[in-house]
């Protein structure tokens, strides 16, 4: 159990790593944070791994028209929830990637908000510190009417659909590696525009919405 704001947090019995703790730095985008001890270039290997992961990203198909029709509003809502709980921009991107990987290849999901909350929780557990992960009682304020078990069941559904492969490849993963290599820096501009976009620019690009726009009901 962890404490956050004076309250106890009870973690689900299963984890995103299928019962194993994820080793720090094992993800491709995390390898760049460690010095190379064996003479290889960790950034180049991380980029190669990210490109492999990118090729495995799902592509829209005819059966995904129901999701594409509501994706803009759903991403908008996810961004608002993450902003409300002060989660990292990368958590927003990973949560959206989880949704895309599942919903682009599946039948219509009747409980989209609950599905999105589960995607946020999985992304937060992967990208945030333990104290920053929202607790169920807080999420119930966003979308009341579900229990802790309901949310855990939805998380498990996502993980099983993804075959427990939760490592995602997003735009920010490539951006951070290029910045780390010195290819880009935080102050770089191109034609007067910042090369390094913030979450607002990313969401505008992929969903046509702003991260702080007002959420709308489905």
C-alpha atoms as a PDB file:
ATOM      1  CA  UNK A   1       0.000   0.000   0.000  1.00  0.00           C
ATOM      2  CA  UNK A   2       1.024   3.595  -0.645  1.00  0.00           C
ATOM      3  CA  UNK A   3      -0.202   6.770   0.973  1.00  0.00           C
ATOM      4  CA  UNK A   4      -1.253   9.791  -1.058  1.00  0.00           C
ATOM      5  CA  UNK A   5      -2.904  12.783   0.538  1.00  0.00           C
ATOM      6  CA  UNK A   6      -3.400  10.897   3.810  1.00  0.00           C
ATOM      7  CA  UNK A   7      -5.272   8.058   2.140  1.00  0.00           C
ATOM      8  CA  UNK A   8      -4.275   4.474   1.613  1.00  0.00           C
ATOM      9  CA  UNK A   9      -3.775   3.189  -1.884  1.00  0.00           C
ATOM     10  CA  UNK A  10      -4.302  -0.497  -2.579  1.00  0.00           C
ATOM     11  CA  UNK A  11      -2.638  -1.665  -5.750  1.00  0.00           C
ATOM     12  CA  UNK A  12      -4.341  -4.356  -7.866  1.00  0.00           C
ATOM     13  CA  UNK A  13      -2.934  -7.851  -7.556  1.00  0.00           C
ATOM     14  CA  UNK A  14      -1.869  -7.931 -11.169  1.00  0.00           C
ATOM     15  CA  UNK A  15       0.588  -5.518 -12.730  1.00  0.00           C
ATOM     16  CA  UNK A  16       1.392  -4.218 -16.177  1.00  0.00           C
ATOM     17  CA  UNK A  17       4.453  -6.450 -16.252  1.00  0.00           C
ATOM     18  CA  UNK A  18       2.477  -9.663 -15.780  1.00  0.00           C
ATOM     19  CA  UNK A  19       3.601 -10.248 -12.243  1.00  0.00           C
ATOM     20  CA  UNK A  20       7.145  -8.939 -12.690  1.00  0.00           C
ATOM     21  CA  UNK A  21       8.478  -5.535 -11.799  1.00  0.00           C
ATOM     22  CA  UNK A  22       9.591  -3.590 -14.825  1.00  0.00           C
ATOM     23  CA  UNK A  23      13.327  -2.969 -14.628  1.00  0.00           C
ATOM     24  CA  UNK A  24      14.156   0.730 -14.678  1.00  0.00           C
ATOM     25  CA  UNK A  25      15.593   1.636 -18.037  1.00  0.00           C
ATOM     26  CA  UNK A  26      14.331  -1.501 -19.780  1.00  0.00           C
ATOM     27  CA  UNK A  27      12.006   0.432 -22.084  1.00  0.00           C
ATOM     28  CA  UNK A  28      13.613   1.766 -25.278  1.00  0.00           C
ATOM     29  CA  UNK A  29      12.974   5.411 -24.363  1.00  0.00           C
ATOM     30  CA  UNK A  30      14.442   4.846 -20.904  1.00  0.00           C
ATOM     31  CA  UNK A  31      17.742   3.378 -22.091  1.00  0.00           C
ATOM     32  CA  UNK A  32      18.949   6.795 -23.131  1.00  0.00           C
ATOM     33  CA  UNK A  33      19.129   7.794 -19.464  1.00  0.00           C
ATOM     34  CA  UNK A  34      21.936   5.336 -18.758  1.00  0.00           C
ATOM     35  CA  UNK A  35      25.570   5.450 -19.759  1.00  0.00           C
ATOM     36  CA  UNK A  36      26.840   2.700 -22.002  1.00  0.00           C
ATOM     37  CA  UNK A  37      29.032   0.231 -20.147  1.00  0.00           C
ATOM     38  CA  UNK A  38      29.655  -2.142 -23.035  1.00  0.00           C
ATOM     39  CA  UNK A  39      30.813   0.326 -25.676  1.00  0.00           C
ATOM     40  CA  UNK A  40      27.548   0.440 -27.658  1.00  0.00           C
ATOM     41  CA  UNK A  41      25.500   3.579 -28.230  1.00  0.00           C
ATOM     42  CA  UNK A  42      22.340   3.371 -26.100  1.00  0.00           C
ATOM     43  CA  UNK A  43      20.587   6.191 -27.981  1.00  0.00           C
ATOM     44  CA  UNK A  44      21.015   4.470 -31.356  1.00  0.00           C
ATOM     45  CA  UNK A  45      19.741   1.192 -29.944  1.00  0.00           C
ATOM     46  CA  UNK A  46      16.790   2.980 -28.354  1.00  0.00           C
ATOM     47  CA  UNK A  47      15.918   4.604 -31.688  1.00  0.00           C
ATOM     48  CA  UNK A  48      16.135   1.245 -33.451  1.00  0.00           C
ATOM     49  CA  UNK A  49      13.837  -0.323 -30.855  1.00  0.00           C
ATOM     50  CA  UNK A  50      11.368   2.552 -31.163  1.00  0.00           C
ATOM     51  CA  UNK A  51      11.232   2.147 -34.944  1.00  0.00           C
ATOM     52  CA  UNK A  52      10.423  -1.540 -34.521  1.00  0.00           C
ATOM     53  CA  UNK A  53       7.669  -0.658 -32.061  1.00  0.00           C
ATOM     54  CA  UNK A  54       6.368   2.042 -34.415  1.00  0.00           C
ATOM     55  CA  UNK A  55       5.963  -0.482 -37.236  1.00  0.00           C
ATOM     56  CA  UNK A  56       3.757  -2.533 -34.936  1.00  0.00           C
ATOM     57  CA  UNK A  57       1.391   0.363 -34.265  1.00  0.00           C
ATOM     58  CA  UNK A  58      -2.121  -0.432 -35.526  1.00  0.00           C
ATOM     59  CA  UNK A  59      -3.470   1.217 -38.660  1.00  0.00           C
ATOM     60  CA  UNK A  60      -7.112   2.301 -39.072  1.00  0.00           C
ATOM     61  CA  UNK A  61      -9.345  -0.200 -40.812  1.00  0.00           C
ATOM     62  CA  UNK A  62     -12.934  -0.241 -41.984  1.00  0.00           C
ATOM     63  CA  UNK A  63     -14.113  -1.735 -38.706  1.00  0.00           C
ATOM     64  CA  UNK A  64     -12.632   1.171 -36.755  1.00  0.00           C
ATOM     65  CA  UNK A  65     -14.950   3.835 -38.174  1.00  0.00           C
ATOM     66  CA  UNK A  66     -16.967   3.905 -34.948  1.00  0.00           C
ATOM     67  CA  UNK A  67     -13.818   4.764 -32.970  1.00  0.00           C
ATOM     68  CA  UNK A  68     -12.474   7.305 -35.448  1.00  0.00           C
ATOM     69  CA  UNK A  69     -15.819   9.103 -35.261  1.00  0.00           C
ATOM     70  CA  UNK A  70     -15.494   9.681 -31.504  1.00  0.00           C
ATOM     71  CA  UNK A  71     -11.704   9.684 -31.113  1.00  0.00           C
ATOM     72  CA  UNK A  72     -11.358  13.470 -31.141  1.00  0.00           C
ATOM     73  CA  UNK A  73     -13.723  13.919 -28.199  1.00  0.00           C
ATOM     74  CA  UNK A  74     -12.244  10.961 -26.337  1.00  0.00           C
ATOM     75  CA  UNK A  75      -8.668  12.265 -26.635  1.00  0.00           C
ATOM     76  CA  UNK A  76      -9.937  15.675 -25.550  1.00  0.00           C
ATOM     77  CA  UNK A  77     -11.505  14.111 -22.462  1.00  0.00           C
ATOM     78  CA  UNK A  78      -8.397  12.051 -21.634  1.00  0.00           C
ATOM     79  CA  UNK A  79      -6.212  15.165 -21.874  1.00  0.00           C
ATOM     80  CA  UNK A  80      -8.518  17.021 -19.484  1.00  0.00           C
ATOM     81  CA  UNK A  81      -8.464  14.175 -16.967  1.00  0.00           C
ATOM     82  CA  UNK A  82      -4.666  13.988 -17.071  1.00  0.00           C
ATOM     83  CA  UNK A  83      -4.420  17.754 -16.666  1.00  0.00           C
ATOM     84  CA  UNK A  84      -6.775  17.605 -13.690  1.00  0.00           C
ATOM     85  CA  UNK A  85      -4.483  15.136 -11.921  1.00  0.00           C
ATOM     86  CA  UNK A  86      -1.261  16.904 -13.026  1.00  0.00           C
ATOM     87  CA  UNK A  87       0.003  13.898 -14.974  1.00  0.00           C
ATOM     88  CA  UNK A  88       2.936  14.144 -17.373  1.00  0.00           C
ATOM     89  CA  UNK A  89       2.397  14.889 -21.073  1.00  0.00           C
ATOM     90  CA  UNK A  90       3.977  11.508 -21.838  1.00  0.00           C
ATOM     91  CA  UNK A  91       1.254   9.821 -19.765  1.00  0.00           C
ATOM     92  CA  UNK A  92      -1.378  11.445 -22.000  1.00  0.00           C
ATOM     93  CA  UNK A  93       0.374  10.198 -25.119  1.00  0.00           C
ATOM     94  CA  UNK A  94       0.828   6.657 -23.813  1.00  0.00           C
ATOM     95  CA  UNK A  95      -2.814   6.470 -22.682  1.00  0.00           C
ATOM     96  CA  UNK A  96      -3.967   7.541 -26.154  1.00  0.00           C
ATOM     97  CA  UNK A  97      -1.627   4.967 -27.685  1.00  0.00           C
ATOM     98  CA  UNK A  98      -3.164   2.239 -25.517  1.00  0.00           C
ATOM     99  CA  UNK A  99      -6.636   3.287 -26.683  1.00  0.00           C
ATOM    100  CA  UNK A 100      -5.609   3.329 -30.335  1.00  0.00           C
ATOM    101  CA  UNK A 101      -3.897  -0.054 -30.167  1.00  0.00           C
ATOM    102  CA  UNK A 102      -7.017  -1.671 -28.748  1.00  0.00           C
ATOM    103  CA  UNK A 103      -9.965   0.261 -30.185  1.00  0.00           C
ATOM    104  CA  UNK A 104      -8.678   0.518 -33.767  1.00  0.00           C
ATOM    105  CA  UNK A 105      -8.753  -3.268 -33.964  1.00  0.00           C
ATOM    106  CA  UNK A 106     -11.766  -4.164 -31.824  1.00  0.00           C
ATOM    107  CA  UNK A 107     -15.527  -4.074 -31.741  1.00  0.00           C
ATOM    108  CA  UNK A 108     -17.324  -0.979 -30.381  1.00  0.00           C
ATOM    109  CA  UNK A 109     -16.658  -0.451 -26.680  1.00  0.00           C
ATOM    110  CA  UNK A 110     -19.882   0.434 -24.787  1.00  0.00           C
ATOM    111  CA  UNK A 111     -18.066   2.008 -21.818  1.00  0.00           C
ATOM    112  CA  UNK A 112     -15.621   4.364 -23.493  1.00  0.00           C
ATOM    113  CA  UNK A 113     -15.005   6.646 -20.517  1.00  0.00           C
ATOM    114  CA  UNK A 114     -14.272   3.741 -18.218  1.00  0.00           C
ATOM    115  CA  UNK A 115     -12.019   2.251 -20.887  1.00  0.00           C
ATOM    116  CA  UNK A 116     -10.191   5.579 -21.184  1.00  0.00           C
ATOM    117  CA  UNK A 117      -9.738   5.797 -17.405  1.00  0.00           C
ATOM    118  CA  UNK A 118      -8.223   2.319 -17.388  1.00  0.00           C
ATOM    119  CA  UNK A 119      -5.856   3.359 -20.190  1.00  0.00           C
ATOM    120  CA  UNK A 120      -4.851   6.417 -18.146  1.00  0.00           C
ATOM    121  CA  UNK A 121      -4.224   4.272 -15.070  1.00  0.00           C
ATOM    122  CA  UNK A 122      -2.032   1.844 -17.005  1.00  0.00           C
ATOM    123  CA  UNK A 123      -0.079   4.701 -18.571  1.00  0.00           C
ATOM    124  CA  UNK A 124       0.325   6.429 -15.201  1.00  0.00           C
ATOM    125  CA  UNK A 125       1.614   3.244 -13.570  1.00  0.00           C
ATOM    126  CA  UNK A 126       4.219   2.984 -16.329  1.00  0.00           C
ATOM    127  CA  UNK A 127       5.273   6.638 -16.547  1.00  0.00           C
ATOM    128  CA  UNK A 128       4.499   8.349 -13.213  1.00  0.00           C
ATOM    129  CA  UNK A 129       5.933   8.026  -9.724  1.00  0.00           C
ATOM    130  CA  UNK A 130       3.716   5.943  -7.379  1.00  0.00           C
ATOM    131  CA  UNK A 131       2.503   9.008  -5.481  1.00  0.00           C
ATOM    132  CA  UNK A 132       1.332  10.670  -8.702  1.00  0.00           C
ATOM    133  CA  UNK A 133      -0.924   7.811  -9.856  1.00  0.00           C
ATOM    134  CA  UNK A 134      -4.587   8.745  -9.258  1.00  0.00           C
ATOM    135  CA  UNK A 135      -6.542   6.654  -6.778  1.00  0.00           C
ATOM    136  CA  UNK A 136      -9.912   5.106  -7.578  1.00  0.00           C
ATOM    137  CA  UNK A 137     -11.912   7.486  -5.376  1.00  0.00           C
ATOM    138  CA  UNK A 138     -10.494  10.418  -7.360  1.00  0.00           C
ATOM    139  CA  UNK A 139     -11.337   8.816 -10.686  1.00  0.00           C
ATOM    140  CA  UNK A 140     -14.875   8.175  -9.457  1.00  0.00           C
ATOM    141  CA  UNK A 141     -15.321  11.943  -9.223  1.00  0.00           C
ATOM    142  CA  UNK A 142     -14.609  12.139 -12.939  1.00  0.00           C
ATOM    143  CA  UNK A 143     -16.875   9.259 -13.948  1.00  0.00           C
ATOM    144  CA  UNK A 144     -18.997   7.964 -11.048  1.00  0.00           C
ATOM    145  CA  UNK A 145     -20.750   4.628 -11.029  1.00  0.00           C
ATOM    146  CA  UNK A 146     -17.893   2.122 -11.107  1.00  0.00           C
ATOM    147  CA  UNK A 147     -15.985   0.258  -8.428  1.00  0.00           C
ATOM    148  CA  UNK A 148     -12.314  -0.517  -7.966  1.00  0.00           C
ATOM    149  CA  UNK A 149     -12.955  -4.029  -9.275  1.00  0.00           C
ATOM    150  CA  UNK A 150     -14.655  -2.617 -12.378  1.00  0.00           C
ATOM    151  CA  UNK A 151     -11.601  -0.510 -13.170  1.00  0.00           C
ATOM    152  CA  UNK A 152      -9.224  -3.405 -12.543  1.00  0.00           C
ATOM    153  CA  UNK A 153     -11.295  -5.613 -14.850  1.00  0.00           C
ATOM    154  CA  UNK A 154     -11.027  -2.984 -17.590  1.00  0.00           C
ATOM    155  CA  UNK A 155      -7.266  -2.685 -17.074  1.00  0.00           C
ATOM    156  CA  UNK A 156      -6.967  -6.454 -17.327  1.00  0.00           C
ATOM    157  CA  UNK A 157      -9.036  -6.429 -20.514  1.00  0.00           C
ATOM    158  CA  UNK A 158      -6.658  -3.912 -22.099  1.00  0.00           C
ATOM    159  CA  UNK A 159      -3.567  -5.838 -21.022  1.00  0.00           C
ATOM    160  CA  UNK A 160      -4.917  -9.136 -22.332  1.00  0.00           C
ATOM    161  CA  UNK A 161      -5.889  -7.536 -25.644  1.00  0.00           C
ATOM    162  CA  UNK A 162      -2.361  -6.152 -25.971  1.00  0.00           C
ATOM    163  CA  UNK A 163      -0.905  -9.526 -24.957  1.00  0.00           C
ATOM    164  CA  UNK A 164       0.655  -7.765 -21.947  1.00  0.00           C
ATOM    165  CA  UNK A 165       2.877  -5.689 -24.242  1.00  0.00           C
ATOM    166  CA  UNK A 166       2.318  -2.217 -22.837  1.00  0.00           C
ATOM    167  CA  UNK A 167       5.453  -0.503 -24.119  1.00  0.00           C
ATOM    168  CA  UNK A 168       4.249   2.138 -26.557  1.00  0.00           C
ATOM    169  CA  UNK A 169       5.964   4.253 -29.181  1.00  0.00           C
ATOM    170  CA  UNK A 170       4.801   7.875 -29.287  1.00  0.00           C
ATOM    171  CA  UNK A 171       5.994  11.112 -30.835  1.00  0.00           C
ATOM    172  CA  UNK A 172       7.516  12.248 -27.529  1.00  0.00           C
ATOM    173  CA  UNK A 173       9.703   9.150 -27.266  1.00  0.00           C
ATOM    174  CA  UNK A 174      11.496  10.055 -30.505  1.00  0.00           C
ATOM    175  CA  UNK A 175      11.637  13.732 -29.556  1.00  0.00           C
ATOM    176  CA  UNK A 176      13.264  13.083 -26.188  1.00  0.00           C
ATOM    177  CA  UNK A 177      15.931  10.835 -27.712  1.00  0.00           C
ATOM    178  CA  UNK A 178      16.798  13.407 -30.399  1.00  0.00           C
ATOM    179  CA  UNK A 179      17.095  16.091 -27.727  1.00  0.00           C
ATOM    180  CA  UNK A 180      19.294  13.797 -25.655  1.00  0.00           C
ATOM    181  CA  UNK A 181      21.556  13.186 -28.671  1.00  0.00           C
ATOM    182  CA  UNK A 182      21.982  16.889 -29.262  1.00  0.00           C
ATOM    183  CA  UNK A 183      20.147  16.794 -32.588  1.00  0.00           C
ATOM    184  CA  UNK A 184      17.565  19.150 -31.092  1.00  0.00           C
ATOM    185  CA  UNK A 185      17.588  21.454 -28.119  1.00  0.00           C
ATOM    186  CA  UNK A 186      14.769  22.992 -26.120  1.00  0.00           C
ATOM    187  CA  UNK A 187      15.189  26.425 -27.705  1.00  0.00           C
ATOM    188  CA  UNK A 188      15.382  25.375 -31.360  1.00  0.00           C
ATOM    189  CA  UNK A 189      12.982  26.989 -33.805  1.00  0.00           C
ATOM    190  CA  UNK A 190      12.084  26.343 -37.428  1.00  0.00           C
ATOM    191  CA  UNK A 191      10.574  29.207 -39.439  1.00  0.00           C
ATOM    192  CA  UNK A 192       9.867  30.990 -36.191  1.00  0.00           C
ATOM    193  CA  UNK A 193       8.090  28.043 -34.565  1.00  0.00           C
ATOM    194  CA  UNK A 194       9.396  25.919 -31.715  1.00  0.00           C
ATOM    195  CA  UNK A 195      10.726  22.543 -32.855  1.00  0.00           C
ATOM    196  CA  UNK A 196       9.913  20.966 -29.512  1.00  0.00           C
ATOM    197  CA  UNK A 197       6.115  21.038 -29.178  1.00  0.00           C
ATOM    198  CA  UNK A 198       4.309  20.767 -25.901  1.00  0.00           C
ATOM    199  CA  UNK A 199       1.360  18.475 -25.222  1.00  0.00           C
ATOM    200  CA  UNK A 200      -1.042  21.055 -26.689  1.00  0.00           C
ATOM    201  CA  UNK A 201       0.672  20.970 -30.087  1.00  0.00           C
ATOM    202  CA  UNK A 202       0.892  17.189 -30.054  1.00  0.00           C
ATOM    203  CA  UNK A 203      -2.791  16.731 -29.328  1.00  0.00           C
ATOM    204  CA  UNK A 204      -3.753  19.315 -31.927  1.00  0.00           C
ATOM    205  CA  UNK A 205      -1.721  17.333 -34.459  1.00  0.00           C
ATOM    206  CA  UNK A 206      -3.065  13.867 -33.667  1.00  0.00           C
ATOM    207  CA  UNK A 207      -6.619  14.679 -32.632  1.00  0.00           C
ATOM    208  CA  UNK A 208      -7.401  18.231 -33.637  1.00  0.00           C
ATOM    209  CA  UNK A 209      -8.054  19.326 -30.068  1.00  0.00           C
ATOM    210  CA  UNK A 210      -6.313  21.273 -27.315  1.00  0.00           C
ATOM    211  CA  UNK A 211      -5.250  19.527 -24.134  1.00  0.00           C
ATOM    212  CA  UNK A 212      -7.036  22.102 -21.985  1.00  0.00           C
ATOM    213  CA  UNK A 213     -10.179  22.408 -24.029  1.00  0.00           C
ATOM    214  CA  UNK A 214     -13.424  21.870 -22.201  1.00  0.00           C
ATOM    215  CA  UNK A 215     -14.410  18.204 -22.080  1.00  0.00           C
ATOM    216  CA  UNK A 216     -17.703  17.284 -23.672  1.00  0.00           C
ATOM    217  CA  UNK A 217     -20.017  14.442 -22.769  1.00  0.00           C
ATOM    218  CA  UNK A 218     -20.303  11.485 -25.097  1.00  0.00           C
END
